[in-house]
N, C-alpha and C. Protein backbone atom coordinates (compact mmCIF):
# COMPACT_ATOMS: atom_id res chain seq x y z
N CYS A 1 80.77 -26.81 16.71
CA CYS A 1 81.10 -26.59 15.32
C CYS A 1 80.50 -27.72 14.46
N PHE A 2 80.53 -28.95 14.99
CA PHE A 2 79.94 -30.06 14.25
C PHE A 2 78.47 -29.79 13.96
N TYR A 3 77.71 -29.42 14.98
CA TYR A 3 76.27 -29.23 14.80
C TYR A 3 75.96 -28.06 13.87
N ALA A 4 76.73 -26.99 13.98
CA ALA A 4 76.52 -25.84 13.10
C ALA A 4 76.80 -26.22 11.65
N ALA A 5 77.91 -26.92 11.42
CA ALA A 5 78.26 -27.34 10.06
C ALA A 5 77.26 -28.37 9.53
N TYR A 6 76.88 -29.30 10.38
CA TYR A 6 75.95 -30.34 9.96
C TYR A 6 74.59 -29.74 9.61
N ALA A 7 74.18 -28.70 10.34
CA ALA A 7 72.91 -28.04 10.04
C ALA A 7 72.94 -27.40 8.66
N VAL A 8 74.08 -26.90 8.25
CA VAL A 8 74.21 -26.28 6.93
C VAL A 8 74.33 -27.35 5.86
N VAL A 9 75.15 -28.36 6.12
CA VAL A 9 75.40 -29.42 5.14
C VAL A 9 74.19 -30.34 5.02
N GLY A 10 73.61 -30.71 6.16
CA GLY A 10 72.42 -31.55 6.16
C GLY A 10 72.68 -33.03 6.04
N ARG A 11 73.87 -33.40 5.64
CA ARG A 11 74.22 -34.82 5.53
C ARG A 11 75.73 -34.93 5.39
N ASP A 12 76.23 -36.13 5.45
CA ASP A 12 77.65 -36.41 5.29
C ASP A 12 78.04 -36.23 3.83
N LEU A 13 78.91 -35.30 3.53
CA LEU A 13 79.25 -35.01 2.13
C LEU A 13 80.21 -36.01 1.49
N LYS A 14 81.10 -36.57 2.30
CA LYS A 14 82.15 -37.45 1.76
C LYS A 14 82.88 -36.77 0.59
N LEU A 15 83.46 -35.64 0.90
CA LEU A 15 84.18 -34.87 -0.12
C LEU A 15 85.35 -35.66 -0.68
N ALA A 16 85.77 -35.28 -1.86
CA ALA A 16 86.90 -35.94 -2.53
C ALA A 16 88.14 -35.87 -1.65
N LYS A 17 89.02 -36.82 -1.86
CA LYS A 17 90.27 -36.86 -1.11
C LYS A 17 91.30 -35.93 -1.76
N GLU A 18 91.04 -34.67 -1.63
CA GLU A 18 91.94 -33.65 -2.16
C GLU A 18 91.90 -32.46 -1.20
N PRO A 19 92.86 -31.55 -1.30
CA PRO A 19 92.89 -30.42 -0.37
C PRO A 19 91.58 -29.62 -0.40
N ILE A 20 91.15 -29.21 0.78
CA ILE A 20 89.93 -28.44 0.95
C ILE A 20 90.30 -27.10 1.57
N ARG A 21 90.02 -26.03 0.87
CA ARG A 21 90.34 -24.70 1.37
C ARG A 21 89.34 -24.32 2.47
N VAL A 22 89.86 -23.91 3.62
CA VAL A 22 89.03 -23.51 4.74
C VAL A 22 89.53 -22.15 5.23
N SER A 23 88.66 -21.15 5.13
CA SER A 23 88.98 -19.80 5.60
C SER A 23 88.36 -19.62 6.97
N ILE A 24 89.18 -19.28 7.96
CA ILE A 24 88.72 -19.14 9.34
C ILE A 24 89.03 -17.71 9.81
N THR A 25 87.98 -16.99 10.18
CA THR A 25 88.14 -15.62 10.65
C THR A 25 87.73 -15.55 12.12
N PHE A 26 88.64 -15.07 12.94
CA PHE A 26 88.39 -14.92 14.37
C PHE A 26 88.01 -13.47 14.66
N ILE A 27 86.88 -13.30 15.34
CA ILE A 27 86.42 -11.98 15.77
C ILE A 27 86.41 -12.00 17.30
N ALA A 28 87.32 -11.27 17.91
CA ALA A 28 87.40 -11.23 19.37
C ALA A 28 86.25 -10.38 19.93
N PRO A 29 85.84 -10.65 21.16
CA PRO A 29 84.74 -9.88 21.75
C PRO A 29 85.17 -8.51 22.28
N ASP A 30 86.48 -8.29 22.41
CA ASP A 30 86.98 -7.02 22.93
C ASP A 30 88.41 -6.80 22.42
N ARG A 31 89.01 -5.71 22.82
CA ARG A 31 90.33 -5.33 22.31
C ARG A 31 91.50 -5.83 23.15
N ARG A 32 91.26 -6.72 24.09
CA ARG A 32 92.38 -7.26 24.88
C ARG A 32 93.39 -7.93 23.96
N GLN A 33 94.64 -7.86 24.34
CA GLN A 33 95.70 -8.51 23.55
C GLN A 33 95.59 -10.02 23.68
N ARG A 34 95.70 -10.71 22.55
CA ARG A 34 95.64 -12.17 22.54
C ARG A 34 96.78 -12.71 21.69
N ASP A 35 97.25 -13.89 22.04
CA ASP A 35 98.30 -14.56 21.29
C ASP A 35 97.66 -15.28 20.11
N ARG A 36 98.02 -14.90 18.89
CA ARG A 36 97.39 -15.48 17.70
C ARG A 36 97.59 -16.99 17.61
N ASP A 37 98.76 -17.47 17.99
CA ASP A 37 99.00 -18.92 17.95
C ASP A 37 98.03 -19.67 18.86
N ASN A 38 97.75 -19.09 20.03
CA ASN A 38 96.82 -19.74 20.95
C ASN A 38 95.39 -19.67 20.46
N ILE A 39 95.03 -18.58 19.78
CA ILE A 39 93.69 -18.48 19.22
C ILE A 39 93.48 -19.59 18.19
N ILE A 40 94.45 -19.76 17.32
CA ILE A 40 94.36 -20.80 16.29
C ILE A 40 94.29 -22.18 16.94
N ALA A 41 95.15 -22.43 17.93
CA ALA A 41 95.17 -23.73 18.60
C ALA A 41 93.85 -24.01 19.33
N SER A 42 93.23 -22.97 19.85
CA SER A 42 91.98 -23.16 20.59
C SER A 42 90.83 -23.60 19.68
N PHE A 43 91.00 -23.46 18.38
CA PHE A 43 89.95 -23.85 17.44
C PHE A 43 90.15 -25.27 16.90
N LYS A 44 91.10 -26.01 17.44
CA LYS A 44 91.35 -27.38 16.98
C LYS A 44 90.11 -28.25 17.07
N ALA A 45 89.39 -28.18 18.17
CA ALA A 45 88.17 -28.99 18.32
C ALA A 45 87.12 -28.56 17.30
N GLY A 46 87.07 -27.28 16.99
CA GLY A 46 86.15 -26.78 15.96
C GLY A 46 86.46 -27.36 14.61
N GLN A 47 87.75 -27.44 14.27
CA GLN A 47 88.14 -28.03 12.99
C GLN A 47 87.82 -29.52 12.96
N ASP A 48 88.00 -30.19 14.07
CA ASP A 48 87.65 -31.61 14.14
C ASP A 48 86.14 -31.81 13.93
N GLY A 49 85.33 -30.95 14.54
CA GLY A 49 83.88 -31.03 14.37
C GLY A 49 83.47 -30.75 12.94
N LEU A 50 84.11 -29.77 12.31
CA LEU A 50 83.83 -29.46 10.91
C LEU A 50 84.17 -30.65 10.03
N ALA A 51 85.33 -31.25 10.25
CA ALA A 51 85.74 -32.40 9.45
C ALA A 51 84.75 -33.55 9.62
N LYS A 52 84.30 -33.78 10.84
CA LYS A 52 83.34 -34.86 11.09
C LYS A 52 82.03 -34.59 10.35
N ALA A 53 81.55 -33.35 10.39
CA ALA A 53 80.30 -33.01 9.70
C ALA A 53 80.43 -33.17 8.19
N LEU A 54 81.63 -32.88 7.66
CA LEU A 54 81.85 -33.01 6.21
C LEU A 54 82.19 -34.44 5.79
N GLY A 55 82.50 -35.28 6.77
CA GLY A 55 82.84 -36.66 6.47
C GLY A 55 84.23 -36.84 5.90
N VAL A 56 85.16 -35.97 6.32
CA VAL A 56 86.54 -36.05 5.83
C VAL A 56 87.51 -35.99 7.01
N ASP A 57 88.75 -36.34 6.75
CA ASP A 57 89.82 -36.19 7.73
C ASP A 57 90.33 -34.75 7.62
N ASP A 58 90.55 -34.10 8.75
CA ASP A 58 90.99 -32.71 8.70
C ASP A 58 92.41 -32.54 8.14
N LYS A 59 93.09 -33.63 7.86
CA LYS A 59 94.41 -33.50 7.21
C LYS A 59 94.28 -32.90 5.81
N TRP A 60 93.07 -32.93 5.24
CA TRP A 60 92.85 -32.39 3.89
C TRP A 60 92.60 -30.88 3.91
N PHE A 61 92.41 -30.31 5.10
CA PHE A 61 92.15 -28.88 5.19
C PHE A 61 93.41 -28.07 4.87
N ARG A 62 93.25 -27.03 4.11
CA ARG A 62 94.30 -26.04 3.86
C ARG A 62 93.74 -24.72 4.40
N GLN A 63 94.10 -24.45 5.66
CA GLN A 63 93.50 -23.33 6.38
C GLN A 63 94.15 -21.99 6.03
N GLU A 64 93.29 -20.98 6.00
CA GLU A 64 93.72 -19.58 5.93
C GLU A 64 93.14 -18.94 7.18
N TYR A 65 93.98 -18.29 7.97
CA TYR A 65 93.50 -17.66 9.20
C TYR A 65 93.47 -16.15 9.03
N HIS A 66 92.38 -15.56 9.50
CA HIS A 66 92.18 -14.11 9.44
C HIS A 66 91.71 -13.64 10.81
N PHE A 67 91.99 -12.38 11.11
CA PHE A 67 91.61 -11.80 12.39
C PHE A 67 90.88 -10.49 12.12
N GLY A 68 89.58 -10.46 12.43
CA GLY A 68 88.77 -9.29 12.19
C GLY A 68 88.81 -8.32 13.36
N GLU A 69 88.18 -7.20 13.19
CA GLU A 69 88.07 -6.20 14.25
C GLU A 69 87.18 -6.75 15.37
N PRO A 70 87.53 -6.44 16.62
CA PRO A 70 86.72 -6.91 17.74
C PRO A 70 85.27 -6.45 17.64
N GLU A 71 84.38 -7.33 18.07
CA GLU A 71 82.94 -7.04 18.02
C GLU A 71 82.24 -7.99 18.99
N LYS A 72 81.45 -7.44 19.88
CA LYS A 72 80.71 -8.28 20.82
C LYS A 72 79.63 -9.05 20.08
N PRO A 73 79.37 -10.29 20.39
CA PRO A 73 79.94 -11.07 21.47
C PRO A 73 81.19 -11.86 21.06
N GLY A 74 81.72 -11.60 19.89
CA GLY A 74 82.85 -12.39 19.39
C GLY A 74 82.35 -13.62 18.66
N ARG A 75 83.11 -14.11 17.70
CA ARG A 75 82.68 -15.31 16.97
C ARG A 75 83.80 -15.81 16.07
N VAL A 76 83.57 -16.94 15.48
CA VAL A 76 84.47 -17.51 14.48
C VAL A 76 83.64 -17.73 13.23
N ILE A 77 84.13 -17.24 12.11
CA ILE A 77 83.45 -17.41 10.83
C ILE A 77 84.25 -18.39 10.01
N VAL A 78 83.60 -19.46 9.52
CA VAL A 78 84.28 -20.50 8.76
C VAL A 78 83.65 -20.58 7.38
N ARG A 79 84.50 -20.54 6.36
CA ARG A 79 84.04 -20.71 4.97
C ARG A 79 84.82 -21.89 4.38
N VAL A 80 84.10 -22.79 3.75
CA VAL A 80 84.71 -23.97 3.14
C VAL A 80 84.61 -23.87 1.63
N GLY A 81 85.73 -24.14 0.96
CA GLY A 81 85.73 -24.14 -0.50
C GLY A 81 86.35 -22.92 -1.10
């Protein structure tokens, strides 16, 4: 997640010390039943990588979680701001 975010950002942003809206959409690769709490928890390292690429502490994130329809190969879509 760090490298993907850094590739888009291109440098350390050092965003203001205020809440940052982060929309996270999980797209599962298949229709198997999954525990939503565990899906969110499994993305903790991704949020840490995003925060590092943006040059902020992830305590400023105000996350919105969404769950899309399954689609191979599965993915996580992150929108900041």
